[in-house]
Amino acid sequence: MQTSDSESSFTEYDIIPKGGHDFSQYHPDFASPDGDVVLGSKDCKVLFRTHSYILKTTSGFFRSMFSLPGGSSSPGKPTEVIYLNDDEKTLENLLRMVSGLPLLPLDSCEMVDSVLHAAENYEMPGAMSIVRLAITTLPFSDHALHMYGICCRYGWEPEAKMFASRTLVYNLYEPVHRESLEKMSTSALWKLLTLHRQRRETLRQQLNNPPFVSGQPAVCIQCTGVIEYHTWRELKYKIILEMDVRPLGDTIAQGLSEWPEAKACWRSGCPNLNCGRLLYDKTQTLRAIQEAIDKLPMPV
């Protein structure tokens, strides 16, 4: 079989008899002469010598391969190179996971995707479990949407809930998130959109119920004059808009001190010049709003 640098030359794997492979082509951590299997990256530049026993006990794919007639090397038989359809870094990460060698950091979403795809193809549940633990570490906290999609795809429910809660700092309708959202399944995307919408709508309902005023015209308890709560209606609208932008709601407290709508609300009073009673108790209202935000639904 004629080899080529072209990726299209290989399907899932190709077996190529040994012939003139220089020792320098081997990865330094996978170059032991005791190994009886040689794996090659798809670019044909790096070889990995390892043990068939390791592959058979950690991979359903290789266990099936080596159970076929002529599927494993035997003493005196030239070692064949099995070229896999994975790049050097993916193979190194995968083989370290199943061989008990020190692990390399999974430092990008692309590498996580690549290793998981390879582990799934080669039926390596142990390697997938290692990746499952690794994605919960700090480097991936800033990639909550991508990680949420991965967790949903593989049925990792606890991790999916954790990353779903971390997406609450995002406005899902910003163009920057489109690629991550398009990669999700319909079910995963629906659950995420529902969570974000539920938090907004639940807060809207709570702000319309006691202890908050309804927003309709009322009678001043001090002078019995007619009072309007239009400043409260405008502030509620601003709060709901902020929940669309950041469903976590953690920016609302600061906004209630800085927004023009909030300042107008806190200084509004009875229009009766002989009364002038402030319509809202700022301290109690702030506390009630924060309590409402703290009770909003989270992933369950």
C-alpha atoms as a PDB file:
ATOM      1  CA  MET A   1       0.000   0.000   0.000  1.00  0.00           C
ATOM      2  CA  GLN A   2       1.394   3.388  -0.994  1.00  0.00           C
ATOM      3  CA  THR A   3       1.434   5.933   1.856  1.00  0.00           C
ATOM      4  CA  SER A   4       0.762   9.619   1.403  1.00  0.00           C
ATOM      5  CA  ASP A   5       0.769  12.740   3.512  1.00  0.00           C
ATOM      6  CA  SER A   6      -2.797  13.324   2.462  1.00  0.00           C
ATOM      7  CA  GLU A   7      -5.364  12.740   5.160  1.00  0.00           C
ATOM      8  CA  SER A   8      -7.788  11.408   2.582  1.00  0.00           C
ATOM      9  CA  SER A   9      -5.530   8.344   2.091  1.00  0.00           C
ATOM     10  CA  PHE A  10      -6.787   6.843   5.358  1.00  0.00           C
ATOM     11  CA  THR A  11     -10.177   5.761   6.552  1.00  0.00           C
ATOM     12  CA  GLU A  12     -10.462   4.697  10.203  1.00  0.00           C
ATOM     13  CA  TYR A  13      -7.027   3.067  10.129  1.00  0.00           C
ATOM     14  CA  ASP A  14      -4.561   1.553   7.680  1.00  0.00           C
ATOM     15  CA  ILE A  15      -2.036  -1.204   8.382  1.00  0.00           C
ATOM     16  CA  ILE A  16       1.305  -0.717   6.660  1.00  0.00           C
ATOM     17  CA  PRO A  17       4.176  -3.258   6.932  1.00  0.00           C
ATOM     18  CA  LYS A  18       7.342  -2.027   8.590  1.00  0.00           C
ATOM     19  CA  GLY A  19       9.921  -0.838   6.165  1.00  0.00           C
ATOM     20  CA  GLY A  20      12.743   1.587   6.820  1.00  0.00           C
ATOM     21  CA  HIS A  21      11.091   3.510   9.672  1.00  0.00           C
ATOM     22  CA  ASP A  22      13.776   5.527  11.440  1.00  0.00           C
ATOM     23  CA  PHE A  23      13.804   5.263  15.250  1.00  0.00           C
ATOM     24  CA  SER A  24      13.683   9.063  15.469  1.00  0.00           C
ATOM     25  CA  GLN A  25      10.108   8.903  14.201  1.00  0.00           C
ATOM     26  CA  TYR A  26       8.976   7.341  17.453  1.00  0.00           C
ATOM     27  CA  HIS A  27       7.571   9.498  20.201  1.00  0.00           C
ATOM     28  CA  PRO A  28      10.195   9.488  22.995  1.00  0.00           C
ATOM     29  CA  ASP A  29       7.689   8.237  25.581  1.00  0.00           C
ATOM     30  CA  PHE A  30       6.428   5.503  23.273  1.00  0.00           C
ATOM     31  CA  ALA A  31       9.587   4.015  21.842  1.00  0.00           C
ATOM     32  CA  SER A  32      10.249   0.992  24.038  1.00  0.00           C
ATOM     33  CA  PRO A  33      11.543  -1.991  22.032  1.00  0.00           C
ATOM     34  CA  ASP A  34       9.387  -4.216  24.262  1.00  0.00           C
ATOM     35  CA  GLY A  35       6.275  -2.910  22.585  1.00  0.00           C
ATOM     36  CA  ASP A  36       4.652  -5.212  20.057  1.00  0.00           C
ATOM     37  CA  VAL A  37       2.313  -2.711  18.390  1.00  0.00           C
ATOM     38  CA  VAL A  38       3.186   0.451  16.471  1.00  0.00           C
ATOM     39  CA  LEU A  39       0.561   3.131  15.934  1.00  0.00           C
ATOM     40  CA  GLY A  40       1.057   6.038  13.551  1.00  0.00           C
ATOM     41  CA  SER A  41      -0.503   9.487  13.442  1.00  0.00           C
ATOM     42  CA  LYS A  42      -2.493  10.422  10.364  1.00  0.00           C
ATOM     43  CA  ASP A  43       0.235  12.705   9.049  1.00  0.00           C
ATOM     44  CA  CYS A  44       2.663   9.738   9.053  1.00  0.00           C
ATOM     45  CA  LYS A  45       5.248  11.760  11.006  1.00  0.00           C
ATOM     46  CA  VAL A  46       5.132  10.241  14.508  1.00  0.00           C
ATOM     47  CA  LEU A  47       4.967   6.616  15.604  1.00  0.00           C
ATOM     48  CA  PHE A  48       3.903   5.235  18.979  1.00  0.00           C
ATOM     49  CA  ARG A  49       5.202   1.823  20.050  1.00  0.00           C
ATOM     50  CA  THR A  50       3.071   0.325  22.782  1.00  0.00           C
ATOM     51  CA  HIS A  51       1.787  -3.022  24.029  1.00  0.00           C
ATOM     52  CA  SER A  52      -1.113  -4.900  22.511  1.00  0.00           C
ATOM     53  CA  TYR A  53      -2.147  -6.015  26.010  1.00  0.00           C
ATOM     54  CA  ILE A  54      -2.740  -2.394  27.038  1.00  0.00           C
ATOM     55  CA  LEU A  55      -4.778  -1.712  23.937  1.00  0.00           C
ATOM     56  CA  LYS A  56      -6.815  -4.907  24.244  1.00  0.00           C
ATOM     57  CA  THR A  57      -7.707  -4.287  27.880  1.00  0.00           C
ATOM     58  CA  THR A  58      -8.616  -0.604  27.462  1.00  0.00           C
ATOM     59  CA  SER A  59     -10.149  -0.473  23.981  1.00  0.00           C
ATOM     60  CA  GLY A  60     -13.024  -2.457  22.527  1.00  0.00           C
ATOM     61  CA  PHE A  61     -11.894  -1.414  19.062  1.00  0.00           C
ATOM     62  CA  PHE A  62      -8.401  -2.872  19.423  1.00  0.00           C
ATOM     63  CA  ARG A  63      -9.680  -5.898  21.334  1.00  0.00           C
ATOM     64  CA  SER A  64     -11.815  -6.786  18.324  1.00  0.00           C
ATOM     65  CA  MET A  65      -8.978  -6.021  15.912  1.00  0.00           C
ATOM     66  CA  PHE A  66      -6.451  -8.241  17.680  1.00  0.00           C
ATOM     67  CA  SER A  67      -8.951 -11.084  17.983  1.00  0.00           C
ATOM     68  CA  LEU A  68      -9.035 -11.416  14.199  1.00  0.00           C
ATOM     69  CA  PRO A  69      -6.699 -13.879  12.462  1.00  0.00           C
ATOM     70  CA  GLY A  70      -3.349 -12.146  11.974  1.00  0.00           C
ATOM     71  CA  GLY A  71      -4.537  -9.213  14.030  1.00  0.00           C
ATOM     72  CA  SER A  72      -1.635  -9.222  16.499  1.00  0.00           C
ATOM     73  CA  SER A  73       2.108  -9.426  16.153  1.00  0.00           C
ATOM     74  CA  SER A  74       3.971 -12.622  16.996  1.00  0.00           C
ATOM     75  CA  PRO A  75       7.683 -13.307  17.673  1.00  0.00           C
ATOM     76  CA  GLY A  76       9.716 -13.132  14.508  1.00  0.00           C
ATOM     77  CA  LYS A  77       6.946 -11.409  12.606  1.00  0.00           C
ATOM     78  CA  PRO A  78       7.777  -7.899  11.270  1.00  0.00           C
ATOM     79  CA  THR A  79       5.944  -5.213  13.214  1.00  0.00           C
ATOM     80  CA  GLU A  80       3.268  -3.509  11.177  1.00  0.00           C
ATOM     81  CA  VAL A  81       2.386   0.156  11.558  1.00  0.00           C
ATOM     82  CA  ILE A  82      -1.272   0.872  12.187  1.00  0.00           C
ATOM     83  CA  TYR A  83      -1.897   4.385  10.925  1.00  0.00           C
ATOM     84  CA  LEU A  84      -4.869   5.923  12.685  1.00  0.00           C
ATOM     85  CA  ASN A  85      -6.978   8.826  11.534  1.00  0.00           C
ATOM     86  CA  ASP A  86      -5.889  11.063  14.444  1.00  0.00           C
ATOM     87  CA  ASP A  87      -3.181  13.668  14.796  1.00  0.00           C
ATOM     88  CA  GLU A  88      -0.077  13.345  16.948  1.00  0.00           C
ATOM     89  CA  LYS A  89      -1.375  15.317  19.947  1.00  0.00           C
ATOM     90  CA  THR A  90      -4.668  13.426  20.086  1.00  0.00           C
ATOM     91  CA  LEU A  91      -2.927  10.054  19.997  1.00  0.00           C
ATOM     92  CA  GLU A  92      -0.402  11.102  22.619  1.00  0.00           C
ATOM     93  CA  ASN A  93      -3.129  12.275  24.997  1.00  0.00           C
ATOM     94  CA  LEU A  94      -5.147   9.123  24.442  1.00  0.00           C
ATOM     95  CA  LEU A  95      -2.243   6.706  24.865  1.00  0.00           C
ATOM     96  CA  ARG A  96      -1.031   8.442  28.017  1.00  0.00           C
ATOM     97  CA  MET A  97      -4.495   8.024  29.513  1.00  0.00           C
ATOM     98  CA  VAL A  98      -4.648   4.279  28.878  1.00  0.00           C
ATOM     99  CA  SER A  99      -0.969   3.582  29.627  1.00  0.00           C
ATOM    100  CA  GLY A 100      -0.732   5.151  33.085  1.00  0.00           C
ATOM    101  CA  LEU A 101       1.795   7.791  32.009  1.00  0.00           C
ATOM    102  CA  PRO A 102       1.704  11.414  33.257  1.00  0.00           C
ATOM    103  CA  LEU A 103      -1.143  13.243  31.554  1.00  0.00           C
ATOM    104  CA  LEU A 104      -0.847  16.330  29.409  1.00  0.00           C
ATOM    105  CA  PRO A 105      -3.168  19.250  30.152  1.00  0.00           C
ATOM    106  CA  LEU A 106      -6.228  19.442  27.931  1.00  0.00           C
ATOM    107  CA  ASP A 107      -5.788  23.145  27.267  1.00  0.00           C
ATOM    108  CA  SER A 108      -8.381  23.817  24.581  1.00  0.00           C
ATOM    109  CA  CYS A 109     -11.946  22.927  23.668  1.00  0.00           C
ATOM    110  CA  GLU A 110     -10.692  21.614  20.336  1.00  0.00           C
ATOM    111  CA  MET A 111      -8.377  19.131  22.075  1.00  0.00           C
ATOM    112  CA  VAL A 112     -11.192  17.968  24.358  1.00  0.00           C
ATOM    113  CA  ASP A 113     -13.390  17.385  21.295  1.00  0.00           C
ATOM    114  CA  SER A 114     -10.612  15.547  19.481  1.00  0.00           C
ATOM    115  CA  VAL A 115      -9.676  13.248  22.363  1.00  0.00           C
ATOM    116  CA  LEU A 116     -13.305  12.447  23.168  1.00  0.00           C
ATOM    117  CA  HIS A 117     -14.038  11.663  19.520  1.00  0.00           C
ATOM    118  CA  ALA A 118     -11.049   9.328  19.331  1.00  0.00           C
ATOM    119  CA  ALA A 119     -11.850   7.676  22.678  1.00  0.00           C
ATOM    120  CA  GLU A 120     -15.412   7.082  21.491  1.00  0.00           C
ATOM    121  CA  ASN A 121     -14.242   5.622  18.170  1.00  0.00           C
ATOM    122  CA  TYR A 122     -11.785   3.265  19.847  1.00  0.00           C
ATOM    123  CA  GLU A 123     -14.250   2.385  22.632  1.00  0.00           C
ATOM    124  CA  MET A 124     -12.054   3.580  25.490  1.00  0.00           C
ATOM    125  CA  PRO A 125     -14.388   4.292  28.441  1.00  0.00           C
ATOM    126  CA  GLY A 126     -11.462   4.844  30.815  1.00  0.00           C
ATOM    127  CA  ALA A 127     -10.065   7.661  28.701  1.00  0.00           C
ATOM    128  CA  MET A 128     -13.510   9.229  28.420  1.00  0.00           C
ATOM    129  CA  SER A 129     -13.837   9.154  32.219  1.00  0.00           C
ATOM    130  CA  ILE A 130     -10.533  10.999  32.569  1.00  0.00           C
ATOM    131  CA  VAL A 131     -11.715  13.704  30.163  1.00  0.00           C
ATOM    132  CA  ARG A 132     -14.993  13.913  32.072  1.00  0.00           C
ATOM    133  CA  LEU A 133     -13.083  14.751  35.249  1.00  0.00           C
ATOM    134  CA  ALA A 134     -10.702  17.131  33.472  1.00  0.00           C
ATOM    135  CA  ILE A 135     -13.359  19.398  31.974  1.00  0.00           C
ATOM    136  CA  THR A 136     -14.623  20.436  35.410  1.00  0.00           C
ATOM    137  CA  THR A 137     -11.339  22.200  36.164  1.00  0.00           C
ATOM    138  CA  LEU A 138     -10.809  25.944  35.987  1.00  0.00           C
ATOM    139  CA  PRO A 139      -9.481  26.333  32.395  1.00  0.00           C
ATOM    140  CA  PHE A 140     -12.874  25.379  30.962  1.00  0.00           C
ATOM    141  CA  SER A 141     -14.987  27.634  33.179  1.00  0.00           C
ATOM    142  CA  ASP A 142     -14.829  30.293  30.461  1.00  0.00           C
ATOM    143  CA  HIS A 143     -16.173  27.857  27.858  1.00  0.00           C
ATOM    144  CA  ALA A 144     -19.408  26.896  29.589  1.00  0.00           C
ATOM    145  CA  LEU A 145     -21.525  26.703  26.426  1.00  0.00           C
ATOM    146  CA  HIS A 146     -19.092  24.411  24.634  1.00  0.00           C
ATOM    147  CA  MET A 147     -18.649  22.182  27.679  1.00  0.00           C
ATOM    148  CA  TYR A 148     -22.403  22.070  28.286  1.00  0.00           C
ATOM    149  CA  GLY A 149     -22.924  20.787  24.744  1.00  0.00           C
ATOM    150  CA  ILE A 150     -20.283  18.081  25.227  1.00  0.00           C
ATOM    151  CA  CYS A 151     -21.776  16.939  28.540  1.00  0.00           C
ATOM    152  CA  CYS A 152     -25.250  16.709  27.023  1.00  0.00           C
ATOM    153  CA  ARG A 153     -23.918  14.744  24.057  1.00  0.00           C
ATOM    154  CA  TYR A 154     -22.362  12.100  26.290  1.00  0.00           C
ATOM    155  CA  GLY A 155     -25.098  12.049  28.918  1.00  0.00           C
ATOM    156  CA  TRP A 156     -22.991  13.514  31.732  1.00  0.00           C
ATOM    157  CA  GLU A 157     -25.920  15.016  33.619  1.00  0.00           C
ATOM    158  CA  PRO A 158     -24.220  16.419  36.769  1.00  0.00           C
ATOM    159  CA  GLU A 159     -21.579  18.188  34.700  1.00  0.00           C
ATOM    160  CA  ALA A 160     -24.212  19.413  32.217  1.00  0.00           C
ATOM    161  CA  LYS A 161     -26.143  21.033  35.073  1.00  0.00           C
ATOM    162  CA  MET A 162     -22.982  22.648  36.395  1.00  0.00           C
ATOM    163  CA  PHE A 163     -22.089  24.170  33.025  1.00  0.00           C
ATOM    164  CA  ALA A 164     -25.714  25.173  32.384  1.00  0.00           C
ATOM    165  CA  SER A 165     -25.607  27.281  35.541  1.00  0.00           C
ATOM    166  CA  ARG A 166     -22.359  28.853  34.340  1.00  0.00           C
ATOM    167  CA  THR A 167     -24.004  29.915  31.072  1.00  0.00           C
ATOM    168  CA  LEU A 168     -26.236  32.296  33.026  1.00  0.00           C
ATOM    169  CA  VAL A 169     -23.592  34.994  32.629  1.00  0.00           C
ATOM    170  CA  TYR A 170     -24.145  34.909  28.843  1.00  0.00           C
ATOM    171  CA  ASN A 171     -26.618  36.578  26.554  1.00  0.00           C
ATOM    172  CA  LEU A 172     -27.336  33.608  24.292  1.00  0.00           C
ATOM    173  CA  TYR A 173     -28.452  35.885  21.464  1.00  0.00           C
ATOM    174  CA  GLU A 174     -25.066  37.494  20.985  1.00  0.00           C
ATOM    175  CA  PRO A 175     -23.473  36.417  17.669  1.00  0.00           C
ATOM    176  CA  VAL A 176     -20.295  35.267  19.426  1.00  0.00           C
ATOM    177  CA  HIS A 177     -22.186  32.275  20.883  1.00  0.00           C
ATOM    178  CA  ARG A 178     -23.764  31.118  17.630  1.00  0.00           C
ATOM    179  CA  GLU A 179     -21.170  28.480  16.784  1.00  0.00           C
ATOM    180  CA  SER A 180     -21.375  26.800  20.197  1.00  0.00           C
ATOM    181  CA  LEU A 181     -25.174  26.807  20.113  1.00  0.00           C
ATOM    182  CA  GLU A 182     -25.304  25.326  16.614  1.00  0.00           C
ATOM    183  CA  LYS A 183     -23.251  22.347  17.778  1.00  0.00           C
ATOM    184  CA  MET A 184     -25.771  21.418  20.475  1.00  0.00           C
ATOM    185  CA  SER A 185     -28.538  18.898  20.040  1.00  0.00           C
ATOM    186  CA  THR A 186     -32.075  20.258  19.825  1.00  0.00           C
ATOM    187  CA  SER A 187     -32.870  18.859  23.264  1.00  0.00           C
ATOM    188  CA  ALA A 188     -29.803  20.422  24.918  1.00  0.00           C
ATOM    189  CA  LEU A 189     -30.473  23.801  23.313  1.00  0.00           C
ATOM    190  CA  TRP A 190     -34.157  23.744  24.293  1.00  0.00           C
ATOM    191  CA  LYS A 191     -33.302  23.005  27.940  1.00  0.00           C
ATOM    192  CA  LEU A 192     -30.788  25.844  28.023  1.00  0.00           C
ATOM    193  CA  LEU A 193     -33.131  28.383  26.427  1.00  0.00           C
ATOM    194  CA  THR A 194     -35.895  27.292  28.791  1.00  0.00           C
ATOM    195  CA  LEU A 195     -33.673  27.815  31.846  1.00  0.00           C
ATOM    196  CA  HIS A 196     -32.698  31.331  30.749  1.00  0.00           C
ATOM    197  CA  ARG A 197     -36.304  32.267  29.929  1.00  0.00           C
ATOM    198  CA  GLN A 198     -37.724  30.777  33.129  1.00  0.00           C
ATOM    199  CA  ARG A 199     -35.453  32.903  35.263  1.00  0.00           C
ATOM    200  CA  ARG A 200     -36.513  36.077  33.491  1.00  0.00           C
ATOM    201  CA  GLU A 201     -40.223  35.289  33.520  1.00  0.00           C
ATOM    202  CA  THR A 202     -40.197  34.092  37.134  1.00  0.00           C
ATOM    203  CA  LEU A 203     -38.599  37.347  38.238  1.00  0.00           C
ATOM    204  CA  ARG A 204     -41.118  39.327  36.187  1.00  0.00           C
ATOM    205  CA  GLN A 205     -43.988  37.571  37.976  1.00  0.00           C
ATOM    206  CA  GLN A 206     -42.437  38.063  41.408  1.00  0.00           C
ATOM    207  CA  LEU A 207     -41.970  41.801  40.816  1.00  0.00           C
ATOM    208  CA  ASN A 208     -45.688  42.077  40.061  1.00  0.00           C
ATOM    209  CA  ASN A 209     -46.709  40.437  43.341  1.00  0.00           C
ATOM    210  CA  PRO A 210     -46.490  41.580  46.986  1.00  0.00           C
ATOM    211  CA  PRO A 211     -44.460  42.916  48.662  1.00  0.00           C
ATOM    212  CA  PHE A 212     -43.994  44.957  45.470  1.00  0.00           C
ATOM    213  CA  VAL A 213     -46.567  47.501  44.377  1.00  0.00           C
ATOM    214  CA  SER A 214     -48.715  46.621  41.389  1.00  0.00           C
ATOM    215  CA  GLY A 215     -47.855  49.739  39.403  1.00  0.00           C
ATOM    216  CA  GLN A 216     -51.490  50.809  39.106  1.00  0.00           C
ATOM    217  CA  PRO A 217     -52.688  54.219  40.437  1.00  0.00           C
ATOM    218  CA  ALA A 218     -53.260  54.182  44.198  1.00  0.00           C
ATOM    219  CA  VAL A 219     -54.088  56.459  47.139  1.00  0.00           C
ATOM    220  CA  CYS A 220     -51.371  57.999  49.290  1.00  0.00           C
ATOM    221  CA  ILE A 221     -51.646  56.599  52.832  1.00  0.00           C
ATOM    222  CA  GLN A 222     -50.587  59.944  54.243  1.00  0.00           C
ATOM    223  CA  CYS A 223     -52.643  62.543  52.374  1.00  0.00           C
ATOM    224  CA  THR A 224     -55.134  60.309  50.493  1.00  0.00           C
ATOM    225  CA  GLY A 225     -54.122  61.959  47.228  1.00  0.00           C
ATOM    226  CA  VAL A 226     -53.769  59.958  43.987  1.00  0.00           C
ATOM    227  CA  ILE A 227     -50.276  58.634  43.347  1.00  0.00           C
ATOM    228  CA  GLU A 228     -48.757  57.015  40.239  1.00  0.00           C
ATOM    229  CA  TYR A 229     -46.142  54.239  40.285  1.00  0.00           C
ATOM    230  CA  HIS A 230     -44.815  54.873  36.770  1.00  0.00           C
ATOM    231  CA  THR A 231     -41.201  55.063  38.002  1.00  0.00           C
ATOM    232  CA  TRP A 232     -41.543  51.555  39.456  1.00  0.00           C
ATOM    233  CA  ARG A 233     -42.943  50.236  36.150  1.00  0.00           C
ATOM    234  CA  GLU A 234     -39.958  51.689  34.289  1.00  0.00           C
ATOM    235  CA  LEU A 235     -37.510  50.195  36.798  1.00  0.00           C
ATOM    236  CA  LYS A 236     -39.141  46.762  36.528  1.00  0.00           C
ATOM    237  CA  TYR A 237     -38.801  46.943  32.741  1.00  0.00           C
ATOM    238  CA  LYS A 238     -35.112  47.790  33.106  1.00  0.00           C
ATOM    239  CA  ILE A 239     -34.572  44.856  35.486  1.00  0.00           C
ATOM    240  CA  ILE A 240     -36.192  42.424  33.043  1.00  0.00           C
ATOM    241  CA  LEU A 241     -34.058  43.768  30.180  1.00  0.00           C
ATOM    242  CA  GLU A 242     -30.972  43.176  32.323  1.00  0.00           C
ATOM    243  CA  MET A 243     -32.085  39.578  32.933  1.00  0.00           C
ATOM    244  CA  ASP A 244     -32.149  39.062  29.175  1.00  0.00           C
ATOM    245  CA  VAL A 245     -28.556  40.264  28.924  1.00  0.00           C
ATOM    246  CA  ARG A 246     -27.297  38.390  32.008  1.00  0.00           C
ATOM    247  CA  PRO A 247     -29.775  35.822  33.387  1.00  0.00           C
ATOM    248  CA  LEU A 248     -27.652  35.208  36.476  1.00  0.00           C
ATOM    249  CA  GLY A 249     -28.954  38.528  37.781  1.00  0.00           C
ATOM    250  CA  ASP A 250     -25.722  39.398  39.591  1.00  0.00           C
ATOM    251  CA  THR A 251     -25.443  42.818  37.929  1.00  0.00           C
ATOM    252  CA  ILE A 252     -28.861  44.037  39.025  1.00  0.00           C
ATOM    253  CA  ALA A 253     -27.805  45.058  42.540  1.00  0.00           C
ATOM    254  CA  GLN A 254     -25.250  47.503  41.181  1.00  0.00           C
ATOM    255  CA  GLY A 255     -27.684  48.761  38.572  1.00  0.00           C
ATOM    256  CA  LEU A 256     -30.235  49.588  41.258  1.00  0.00           C
ATOM    257  CA  SER A 257     -27.794  52.207  42.507  1.00  0.00           C
ATOM    258  CA  GLU A 258     -26.640  53.515  39.125  1.00  0.00           C
ATOM    259  CA  TRP A 259     -29.421  53.223  36.539  1.00  0.00           C
ATOM    260  CA  PRO A 260     -31.327  56.448  35.791  1.00  0.00           C
ATOM    261  CA  GLU A 261     -34.573  54.471  36.195  1.00  0.00           C
ATOM    262  CA  ALA A 262     -33.510  53.409  39.692  1.00  0.00           C
ATOM    263  CA  LYS A 263     -32.503  56.912  40.778  1.00  0.00           C
ATOM    264  CA  ALA A 264     -35.814  58.279  39.548  1.00  0.00           C
ATOM    265  CA  CYS A 265     -37.670  55.579  41.448  1.00  0.00           C
ATOM    266  CA  TRP A 266     -35.927  56.165  44.779  1.00  0.00           C
ATOM    267  CA  ARG A 267     -36.551  59.917  44.714  1.00  0.00           C
ATOM    268  CA  SER A 268     -40.147  59.807  43.510  1.00  0.00           C
ATOM    269  CA  GLY A 269     -42.752  61.023  46.019  1.00  0.00           C
ATOM    270  CA  CYS A 270     -46.359  61.974  46.416  1.00  0.00           C
ATOM    271  CA  PRO A 271     -47.244  64.746  43.927  1.00  0.00           C
ATOM    272  CA  ASN A 272     -49.154  66.603  46.635  1.00  0.00           C
ATOM    273  CA  LEU A 273     -46.884  69.554  47.517  1.00  0.00           C
ATOM    274  CA  ASN A 274     -48.176  69.532  51.078  1.00  0.00           C
ATOM    275  CA  CYS A 275     -47.230  65.831  51.448  1.00  0.00           C
ATOM    276  CA  GLY A 276     -44.147  64.832  49.453  1.00  0.00           C
ATOM    277  CA  ARG A 277     -43.939  61.383  51.054  1.00  0.00           C
ATOM    278  CA  LEU A 278     -41.386  59.088  49.370  1.00  0.00           C
ATOM    279  CA  LEU A 279     -43.227  56.308  47.584  1.00  0.00           C
ATOM    280  CA  TYR A 280     -40.626  53.574  48.040  1.00  0.00           C
ATOM    281  CA  ASP A 281     -38.497  52.333  50.902  1.00  0.00           C
ATOM    282  CA  LYS A 282     -35.213  51.866  49.058  1.00  0.00           C
ATOM    283  CA  THR A 283     -33.591  49.561  51.624  1.00  0.00           C
ATOM    284  CA  GLN A 284     -36.553  47.201  51.877  1.00  0.00           C
ATOM    285  CA  THR A 285     -37.129  47.214  48.114  1.00  0.00           C
ATOM    286  CA  LEU A 286     -33.500  46.336  47.388  1.00  0.00           C
ATOM    287  CA  ARG A 287     -33.663  43.490  49.893  1.00  0.00           C
ATOM    288  CA  ALA A 288     -36.890  42.143  48.389  1.00  0.00           C
ATOM    289  CA  ILE A 289     -35.481  42.262  44.839  1.00  0.00           C
ATOM    290  CA  GLN A 290     -32.349  40.380  45.877  1.00  0.00           C
ATOM    291  CA  GLU A 291     -34.417  37.741  47.667  1.00  0.00           C
ATOM    292  CA  ALA A 292     -36.492  37.276  44.518  1.00  0.00           C
ATOM    293  CA  ILE A 293     -33.340  36.829  42.426  1.00  0.00           C
ATOM    294  CA  ASP A 294     -31.898  34.317  44.879  1.00  0.00           C
ATOM    295  CA  LYS A 295     -35.026  32.159  44.539  1.00  0.00           C
ATOM    296  CA  LEU A 296     -34.906  31.960  40.748  1.00  0.00           C
ATOM    297  CA  PRO A 297     -34.749  28.450  39.230  1.00  0.00           C
ATOM    298  CA  MET A 298     -31.429  26.740  38.582  1.00  0.00           C
ATOM    299  CA  PRO A 299     -30.716  23.557  36.555  1.00  0.00           C
ATOM    300  CA  VAL A 300     -32.381  20.539  38.197  1.00  0.00           C
END
